[in-house]
Amino acid sequence: MSKVIERTVVSHLTEYLSANDLLPCFQSAYRRKHSTETALLRVWSDMLMAADSQEVTLLGMLNLSAAFDCVGHAILLQRLRIGAGLTDVVIEWIPFFLSERTQQIADNDRLSSVQTVLFGVPEGSVLGPLLYVLYTAELFHVVARHQLRLHNVRR
């Protein structure tokens, strides 16, 4: 039943975000009709355009391994309120979705004690990837500001 609810939330939330142009325009992961290939084609195209204009291309890459585990719930809720304009029932439901999660580690035949998960979004969930995209959406704004600043310096 939880997957059905998550799919419904994702469907409505994605529709809302798309209709209000709230998803980062260069976000490729976890979006319909976007993929690793579309992201690579965009980077390649930008590099070729820069080369044609005799500009230098610098490419910074981030390794975001275990990134889903590092999402701060309070920051996520703030970004959902301010960045995505979510209110009322949706904002009240998200903490319930994220709370009361536990983890346990198995090593050989031994199990650790059960620990409460205080950070992160459920990686195997339907909603987790979309929440992660919204959590990191601010990165696109930071990069865009720096690109604009660099563009103005070159002039």
N, C-alpha and C. Protein backbone atom coordinates (compact mmCIF):
# COMPACT_ATOMS: atom_id res chain seq x y z
N MET A 1 0.81 -1.19 0.00
CA MET A 1 0.00 0.00 0.00
C MET A 1 0.86 1.26 0.00
N SER A 2 2.01 1.20 0.70
CA SER A 2 2.86 2.39 0.79
C SER A 2 3.39 2.80 -0.59
N LYS A 3 3.70 1.83 -1.43
CA LYS A 3 4.20 2.15 -2.79
C LYS A 3 3.11 2.83 -3.62
N VAL A 4 1.87 2.43 -3.45
CA VAL A 4 0.76 3.05 -4.16
C VAL A 4 0.63 4.52 -3.73
N ILE A 5 0.71 4.76 -2.43
CA ILE A 5 0.63 6.13 -1.92
C ILE A 5 1.81 6.95 -2.45
N GLU A 6 3.01 6.37 -2.39
CA GLU A 6 4.20 7.09 -2.89
C GLU A 6 4.06 7.43 -4.37
N ARG A 7 3.59 6.49 -5.17
CA ARG A 7 3.43 6.75 -6.61
C ARG A 7 2.42 7.88 -6.85
N THR A 8 1.37 7.90 -6.05
CA THR A 8 0.37 8.96 -6.17
C THR A 8 0.98 10.31 -5.80
N VAL A 9 1.73 10.35 -4.71
CA VAL A 9 2.40 11.58 -4.28
C VAL A 9 3.38 12.04 -5.35
N VAL A 10 4.20 11.12 -5.86
CA VAL A 10 5.18 11.47 -6.90
C VAL A 10 4.48 12.00 -8.14
N SER A 11 3.42 11.36 -8.55
CA SER A 11 2.69 11.80 -9.73
C SER A 11 2.16 13.22 -9.58
N HIS A 12 1.48 13.47 -8.46
CA HIS A 12 0.91 14.81 -8.24
C HIS A 12 2.00 15.85 -8.02
N LEU A 13 3.04 15.48 -7.28
CA LEU A 13 4.13 16.42 -7.01
C LEU A 13 4.90 16.76 -8.28
N THR A 14 5.17 15.77 -9.11
CA THR A 14 5.87 16.01 -10.37
C THR A 14 5.04 16.89 -11.29
N GLU A 15 3.75 16.63 -11.34
CA GLU A 15 2.85 17.46 -12.15
C GLU A 15 2.88 18.90 -11.67
N TYR A 16 2.81 19.10 -10.36
CA TYR A 16 2.86 20.45 -9.77
C TYR A 16 4.19 21.13 -10.08
N LEU A 17 5.30 20.41 -9.88
CA LEU A 17 6.63 20.99 -10.11
C LEU A 17 6.83 21.35 -11.58
N SER A 18 6.38 20.49 -12.47
CA SER A 18 6.51 20.77 -13.91
C SER A 18 5.64 21.94 -14.32
N ALA A 19 4.39 21.98 -13.86
CA ALA A 19 3.47 23.06 -14.22
C ALA A 19 3.96 24.41 -13.74
N ASN A 20 4.71 24.42 -12.63
CA ASN A 20 5.20 25.68 -12.07
C ASN A 20 6.69 25.90 -12.35
N ASP A 21 7.25 25.07 -13.24
CA ASP A 21 8.66 25.20 -13.65
C ASP A 21 9.60 25.25 -12.44
N LEU A 22 9.43 24.32 -11.51
CA LEU A 22 10.20 24.31 -10.28
C LEU A 22 11.32 23.28 -10.26
N LEU A 23 11.38 22.41 -11.25
CA LEU A 23 12.48 21.46 -11.32
C LEU A 23 13.67 22.13 -11.99
N PRO A 24 14.88 21.85 -11.51
CA PRO A 24 16.06 22.44 -12.15
C PRO A 24 16.10 22.05 -13.64
N CYS A 25 16.33 23.04 -14.50
CA CYS A 25 16.23 22.78 -15.94
C CYS A 25 17.28 21.79 -16.44
N PHE A 26 18.42 21.68 -15.77
CA PHE A 26 19.45 20.75 -16.23
C PHE A 26 19.46 19.45 -15.44
N GLN A 27 18.46 19.23 -14.63
CA GLN A 27 18.35 18.00 -13.86
C GLN A 27 17.94 16.87 -14.79
N SER A 28 18.77 15.84 -14.88
CA SER A 28 18.46 14.73 -15.77
C SER A 28 18.00 13.48 -15.03
N ALA A 29 18.54 13.24 -13.87
CA ALA A 29 18.18 12.01 -13.16
C ALA A 29 16.76 12.08 -12.64
N TYR A 30 16.11 10.94 -12.67
CA TYR A 30 14.77 10.76 -12.10
C TYR A 30 13.71 11.62 -12.77
N ARG A 31 13.91 11.94 -14.04
CA ARG A 31 12.92 12.72 -14.77
C ARG A 31 12.57 12.01 -16.06
N ARG A 32 11.30 12.06 -16.41
CA ARG A 32 10.83 11.45 -17.64
C ARG A 32 11.47 12.17 -18.83
N LYS A 33 11.90 11.40 -19.82
CA LYS A 33 12.51 11.90 -21.05
C LYS A 33 13.84 12.61 -20.80
N HIS A 34 14.48 12.33 -19.66
CA HIS A 34 15.81 12.82 -19.36
C HIS A 34 16.63 11.60 -18.94
N SER A 35 17.91 11.64 -19.25
CA SER A 35 18.73 10.48 -18.92
C SER A 35 20.19 10.91 -18.83
N THR A 36 21.03 9.94 -18.54
CA THR A 36 22.47 10.19 -18.55
C THR A 36 22.90 10.65 -19.94
N GLU A 37 22.30 10.06 -20.97
CA GLU A 37 22.67 10.44 -22.34
C GLU A 37 22.32 11.89 -22.65
N THR A 38 21.15 12.35 -22.19
CA THR A 38 20.79 13.75 -22.46
C THR A 38 21.72 14.69 -21.69
N ALA A 39 22.12 14.31 -20.49
CA ALA A 39 23.05 15.13 -19.71
C ALA A 39 24.41 15.19 -20.41
N LEU A 40 24.90 14.05 -20.86
CA LEU A 40 26.20 14.02 -21.56
C LEU A 40 26.16 14.80 -22.86
N LEU A 41 25.06 14.70 -23.59
CA LEU A 41 24.92 15.46 -24.83
C LEU A 41 24.94 16.97 -24.55
N ARG A 42 24.31 17.37 -23.47
CA ARG A 42 24.31 18.80 -23.11
C ARG A 42 25.72 19.27 -22.78
N VAL A 43 26.44 18.50 -21.99
CA VAL A 43 27.82 18.87 -21.63
C VAL A 43 28.69 18.93 -22.88
N TRP A 44 28.58 17.92 -23.73
CA TRP A 44 29.36 17.86 -24.97
C TRP A 44 29.03 19.06 -25.87
N SER A 45 27.77 19.38 -26.00
CA SER A 45 27.35 20.51 -26.81
C SER A 45 27.92 21.82 -26.26
N ASP A 46 27.84 22.01 -24.94
CA ASP A 46 28.39 23.22 -24.32
C ASP A 46 29.89 23.32 -24.54
N MET A 47 30.59 22.19 -24.46
CA MET A 47 32.04 22.19 -24.68
C MET A 47 32.37 22.56 -26.13
N LEU A 48 31.62 22.03 -27.07
CA LEU A 48 31.87 22.35 -28.48
C LEU A 48 31.57 23.82 -28.77
N MET A 49 30.50 24.34 -28.19
CA MET A 49 30.17 25.76 -28.38
C MET A 49 31.25 26.65 -27.78
N ALA A 50 31.78 26.28 -26.63
CA ALA A 50 32.86 27.05 -26.01
C ALA A 50 34.12 26.99 -26.88
N ALA A 51 34.42 25.83 -27.41
CA ALA A 51 35.61 25.69 -28.27
C ALA A 51 35.45 26.53 -29.53
N ASP A 52 34.25 26.55 -30.11
CA ASP A 52 34.00 27.37 -31.29
C ASP A 52 34.18 28.85 -30.99
N SER A 53 33.92 29.25 -29.74
CA SER A 53 34.08 30.65 -29.34
C SER A 53 35.47 30.92 -28.76
N GLN A 54 36.35 29.94 -28.88
CA GLN A 54 37.73 30.01 -28.35
C GLN A 54 37.74 30.26 -26.84
N GLU A 55 36.82 29.62 -26.15
CA GLU A 55 36.75 29.71 -24.69
C GLU A 55 37.27 28.42 -24.09
N VAL A 56 37.73 28.53 -22.86
CA VAL A 56 38.24 27.37 -22.13
C VAL A 56 37.06 26.70 -21.42
N THR A 57 37.07 25.40 -21.38
CA THR A 57 36.04 24.64 -20.66
C THR A 57 36.67 24.00 -19.44
N LEU A 58 36.05 24.23 -18.30
CA LEU A 58 36.44 23.56 -17.06
C LEU A 58 35.26 22.71 -16.63
N LEU A 59 35.54 21.49 -16.26
CA LEU A 59 34.47 20.58 -15.86
C LEU A 59 34.75 20.11 -14.44
N GLY A 60 33.85 20.44 -13.53
CA GLY A 60 33.96 19.97 -12.16
C GLY A 60 32.99 18.82 -11.97
N MET A 61 33.45 17.77 -11.35
CA MET A 61 32.59 16.61 -11.13
C MET A 61 32.56 16.28 -9.65
N LEU A 62 31.40 15.88 -9.17
CA LEU A 62 31.22 15.52 -7.77
C LEU A 62 30.89 14.04 -7.66
N ASN A 63 31.49 13.40 -6.69
CA ASN A 63 31.13 12.02 -6.38
C ASN A 63 30.13 12.07 -5.24
N LEU A 64 28.90 11.76 -5.53
CA LEU A 64 27.85 11.86 -4.53
C LEU A 64 27.45 10.48 -4.00
N SER A 65 28.44 9.63 -3.74
CA SER A 65 28.12 8.31 -3.21
C SER A 65 27.51 8.47 -1.82
N ALA A 66 26.54 7.70 -1.52
CA ALA A 66 25.79 7.74 -0.27
C ALA A 66 25.08 9.08 -0.06
N ALA A 67 24.83 9.80 -1.14
CA ALA A 67 24.22 11.12 -1.04
C ALA A 67 22.81 11.06 -0.45
N PHE A 68 22.05 10.04 -0.78
CA PHE A 68 20.68 9.93 -0.26
C PHE A 68 20.69 9.84 1.27
N ASP A 69 21.79 9.31 1.84
CA ASP A 69 21.89 9.14 3.28
C ASP A 69 22.23 10.43 4.01
N CYS A 70 22.59 11.47 3.28
CA CYS A 70 23.06 12.72 3.90
C CYS A 70 22.03 13.83 3.91
N VAL A 71 20.84 13.57 3.48
CA VAL A 71 19.80 14.60 3.41
C VAL A 71 19.30 14.93 4.81
N GLY A 72 19.45 16.20 5.19
CA GLY A 72 18.93 16.67 6.47
C GLY A 72 17.44 16.95 6.34
N HIS A 73 16.65 16.36 7.21
CA HIS A 73 15.19 16.48 7.09
C HIS A 73 14.70 17.91 7.26
N ALA A 74 15.26 18.65 8.22
CA ALA A 74 14.82 20.04 8.44
C ALA A 74 15.15 20.90 7.22
N ILE A 75 16.32 20.70 6.65
CA ILE A 75 16.71 21.47 5.46
C ILE A 75 15.81 21.10 4.29
N LEU A 76 15.55 19.81 4.13
CA LEU A 76 14.66 19.36 3.05
C LEU A 76 13.29 20.01 3.18
N LEU A 77 12.71 20.00 4.38
CA LEU A 77 11.39 20.60 4.57
C LEU A 77 11.41 22.09 4.28
N GLN A 78 12.48 22.77 4.67
CA GLN A 78 12.60 24.20 4.38
C GLN A 78 12.66 24.44 2.88
N ARG A 79 13.41 23.62 2.17
CA ARG A 79 13.52 23.78 0.72
C ARG A 79 12.20 23.44 0.02
N LEU A 80 11.46 22.49 0.56
CA LEU A 80 10.16 22.17 -0.02
C LEU A 80 9.17 23.31 0.20
N ARG A 81 9.25 23.94 1.36
CA ARG A 81 8.36 25.09 1.65
C ARG A 81 8.75 26.30 0.80
N ILE A 82 10.01 26.69 0.87
CA ILE A 82 10.45 27.93 0.23
C ILE A 82 10.70 27.74 -1.27
N GLY A 83 11.46 26.73 -1.63
CA GLY A 83 11.82 26.52 -3.03
C GLY A 83 10.70 25.99 -3.90
N ALA A 84 9.90 25.10 -3.34
CA ALA A 84 8.83 24.49 -4.14
C ALA A 84 7.45 25.02 -3.77
N GLY A 85 7.36 25.78 -2.71
CA GLY A 85 6.08 26.37 -2.33
C GLY A 85 5.07 25.37 -1.80
N LEU A 86 5.55 24.26 -1.24
CA LEU A 86 4.63 23.25 -0.71
C LEU A 86 4.12 23.67 0.66
N THR A 87 2.87 23.39 0.93
CA THR A 87 2.27 23.78 2.20
C THR A 87 1.31 22.69 2.67
N ASP A 88 0.70 22.96 3.78
CA ASP A 88 -0.40 22.19 4.35
C ASP A 88 -0.15 20.70 4.43
N VAL A 89 -1.04 19.93 3.86
CA VAL A 89 -1.03 18.47 4.02
C VAL A 89 0.26 17.85 3.49
N VAL A 90 0.76 18.35 2.38
CA VAL A 90 1.99 17.76 1.81
C VAL A 90 3.16 17.94 2.76
N ILE A 91 3.36 19.17 3.22
CA ILE A 91 4.47 19.45 4.15
C ILE A 91 4.29 18.70 5.46
N GLU A 92 3.08 18.50 5.90
CA GLU A 92 2.84 17.76 7.13
C GLU A 92 3.05 16.26 6.94
N TRP A 93 2.84 15.75 5.73
CA TRP A 93 2.96 14.32 5.47
C TRP A 93 4.41 13.88 5.33
N ILE A 94 5.25 14.72 4.74
CA ILE A 94 6.65 14.35 4.46
C ILE A 94 7.39 13.89 5.72
N PRO A 95 7.32 14.60 6.86
CA PRO A 95 8.04 14.10 8.04
C PRO A 95 7.59 12.70 8.47
N PHE A 96 6.31 12.39 8.30
CA PHE A 96 5.84 11.04 8.64
C PHE A 96 6.46 10.01 7.70
N PHE A 97 6.60 10.38 6.43
CA PHE A 97 7.22 9.49 5.45
C PHE A 97 8.69 9.22 5.81
N LEU A 98 9.37 10.25 6.33
CA LEU A 98 10.80 10.13 6.62
C LEU A 98 11.09 9.58 8.02
N SER A 99 10.11 9.60 8.91
CA SER A 99 10.37 9.23 10.30
C SER A 99 10.18 7.73 10.55
N GLU A 100 10.61 7.35 11.73
CA GLU A 100 10.47 5.98 12.23
C GLU A 100 11.11 4.95 11.32
N ARG A 101 12.23 5.35 10.69
CA ARG A 101 13.00 4.40 9.88
C ARG A 101 14.17 3.90 10.71
N THR A 102 14.52 2.64 10.53
CA THR A 102 15.63 2.06 11.28
C THR A 102 16.57 1.34 10.32
N GLN A 103 17.75 1.05 10.85
CA GLN A 103 18.71 0.27 10.07
C GLN A 103 19.47 -0.67 11.00
N GLN A 104 19.98 -1.73 10.38
CA GLN A 104 20.74 -2.72 11.13
C GLN A 104 21.79 -3.27 10.18
N ILE A 105 22.96 -3.51 10.69
CA ILE A 105 24.07 -3.99 9.86
C ILE A 105 24.34 -5.45 10.16
N ALA A 106 24.47 -6.24 9.09
CA ALA A 106 24.81 -7.65 9.23
C ALA A 106 26.26 -7.84 8.83
N ASP A 107 27.04 -8.50 9.68
CA ASP A 107 28.44 -8.80 9.40
C ASP A 107 28.66 -10.27 9.72
N ASN A 108 28.88 -11.04 8.66
CA ASN A 108 28.95 -12.50 8.80
C ASN A 108 27.65 -12.99 9.44
N ASP A 109 27.73 -13.60 10.60
CA ASP A 109 26.53 -14.12 11.25
C ASP A 109 26.04 -13.22 12.37
N ARG A 110 26.63 -12.03 12.50
CA ARG A 110 26.28 -11.15 13.60
C ARG A 110 25.48 -9.95 13.10
N LEU A 111 24.53 -9.50 13.91
CA LEU A 111 23.72 -8.33 13.60
C LEU A 111 24.00 -7.24 14.62
N SER A 112 24.10 -6.02 14.15
CA SER A 112 24.26 -4.89 15.06
C SER A 112 22.91 -4.60 15.72
N SER A 113 22.94 -3.71 16.67
CA SER A 113 21.67 -3.28 17.26
C SER A 113 20.92 -2.42 16.24
N VAL A 114 19.64 -2.34 16.41
CA VAL A 114 18.80 -1.54 15.51
C VAL A 114 18.99 -0.07 15.86
N GLN A 115 19.28 0.74 14.85
CA GLN A 115 19.51 2.17 15.03
C GLN A 115 18.45 2.98 14.29
N THR A 116 18.02 4.07 14.89
CA THR A 116 17.07 4.96 14.25
C THR A 116 17.80 5.78 13.20
N VAL A 117 17.21 5.93 12.02
CA VAL A 117 17.79 6.72 10.94
C VAL A 117 17.31 8.16 11.10
N LEU A 118 18.26 9.09 11.27
CA LEU A 118 17.93 10.48 11.51
C LEU A 118 18.08 11.36 10.28
N PHE A 119 18.80 10.86 9.29
CA PHE A 119 19.05 11.62 8.07
C PHE A 119 18.72 10.76 6.86
N GLY A 120 18.57 11.39 5.73
CA GLY A 120 18.44 10.66 4.47
C GLY A 120 17.00 10.48 4.02
N VAL A 121 16.91 10.09 2.76
CA VAL A 121 15.62 9.71 2.17
C VAL A 121 15.73 8.24 1.79
N PRO A 122 14.62 7.52 1.86
CA PRO A 122 14.66 6.08 1.54
C PRO A 122 15.09 5.85 0.10
N GLU A 123 16.23 5.22 -0.07
CA GLU A 123 16.81 5.03 -1.41
C GLU A 123 15.98 4.09 -2.28
N GLY A 124 15.40 3.10 -1.72
CA GLY A 124 14.61 2.15 -2.51
C GLY A 124 13.17 2.58 -2.70
N SER A 125 12.84 3.76 -2.24
CA SER A 125 11.46 4.20 -2.32
C SER A 125 11.17 4.85 -3.67
N VAL A 126 9.91 5.07 -3.94
CA VAL A 126 9.48 5.74 -5.17
C VAL A 126 9.66 7.25 -5.03
N LEU A 127 9.41 7.78 -3.83
CA LEU A 127 9.46 9.22 -3.58
C LEU A 127 10.87 9.74 -3.25
N GLY A 128 11.72 8.89 -2.71
CA GLY A 128 13.06 9.30 -2.29
C GLY A 128 13.86 10.06 -3.34
N PRO A 129 13.95 9.55 -4.57
CA PRO A 129 14.73 10.26 -5.59
C PRO A 129 14.21 11.67 -5.88
N LEU A 130 12.90 11.85 -5.92
CA LEU A 130 12.35 13.18 -6.18
C LEU A 130 12.66 14.13 -5.01
N LEU A 131 12.56 13.64 -3.79
CA LEU A 131 12.91 14.46 -2.64
C LEU A 131 14.38 14.85 -2.69
N TYR A 132 15.23 13.92 -3.11
CA TYR A 132 16.66 14.23 -3.23
C TYR A 132 16.90 15.31 -4.29
N VAL A 133 16.23 15.22 -5.41
CA VAL A 133 16.35 16.24 -6.46
C VAL A 133 15.95 17.60 -5.92
N LEU A 134 14.88 17.67 -5.17
CA LEU A 134 14.43 18.94 -4.62
C LEU A 134 15.37 19.45 -3.53
N TYR A 135 15.98 18.53 -2.81
CA TYR A 135 16.96 18.88 -1.78
C TYR A 135 18.20 19.52 -2.41
N THR A 136 18.63 19.00 -3.55
CA THR A 136 19.85 19.49 -4.20
C THR A 136 19.60 20.55 -5.26
N ALA A 137 18.36 20.93 -5.47
CA ALA A 137 18.02 21.90 -6.51
C ALA A 137 18.77 23.22 -6.34
N GLU A 138 19.07 23.59 -5.11
CA GLU A 138 19.78 24.84 -4.84
C GLU A 138 21.17 24.85 -5.50
N LEU A 139 21.77 23.69 -5.67
CA LEU A 139 23.08 23.61 -6.32
C LEU A 139 23.05 24.22 -7.72
N PHE A 140 21.96 24.02 -8.43
CA PHE A 140 21.84 24.56 -9.79
C PHE A 140 21.83 26.08 -9.76
N HIS A 141 21.20 26.66 -8.74
CA HIS A 141 21.18 28.12 -8.61
C HIS A 141 22.56 28.66 -8.28
N VAL A 142 23.29 27.96 -7.43
CA VAL A 142 24.65 28.38 -7.06
C VAL A 142 25.55 28.36 -8.30
N VAL A 143 25.49 27.28 -9.06
CA VAL A 143 26.31 27.17 -10.28
C VAL A 143 25.92 28.25 -11.27
N ALA A 144 24.64 28.49 -11.45
CA ALA A 144 24.19 29.52 -12.39
C ALA A 144 24.70 30.90 -11.99
N ARG A 145 24.68 31.22 -10.70
CA ARG A 145 25.20 32.52 -10.24
C ARG A 145 26.68 32.66 -10.55
N HIS A 146 27.44 31.58 -10.35
CA HIS A 146 28.87 31.63 -10.61
C HIS A 146 29.16 31.71 -12.11
N GLN A 147 28.36 31.03 -12.90
CA GLN A 147 28.54 31.13 -14.35
C GLN A 147 28.30 32.55 -14.82
N LEU A 148 27.27 33.18 -14.30
CA LEU A 148 26.95 34.55 -14.67
C LEU A 148 28.08 35.48 -14.23
N ARG A 149 28.59 35.28 -13.05
CA ARG A 149 29.70 36.10 -12.53
C ARG A 149 30.94 35.93 -13.42
N LEU A 150 31.26 34.69 -13.78
CA LEU A 150 32.41 34.45 -14.65
C LEU A 150 32.20 35.07 -16.02
N HIS A 151 30.97 34.97 -16.53
CA HIS A 151 30.66 35.56 -17.84
C HIS A 151 30.85 37.07 -17.80
N ASN A 152 30.44 37.72 -16.72
CA ASN A 152 30.59 39.17 -16.58
C ASN A 152 32.04 39.59 -16.41
N VAL A 153 32.86 38.76 -15.77
CA VAL A 153 34.28 39.06 -15.58
C VAL A 153 35.02 39.03 -16.90
N ARG A 154 34.63 38.11 -17.78
CA ARG A 154 35.30 37.97 -19.08
C ARG A 154 35.06 39.17 -19.98
N ARG A 155 33.98 39.87 -19.78
CA ARG A 155 33.65 40.99 -20.66
C ARG A 155 34.49 42.15 -20.39
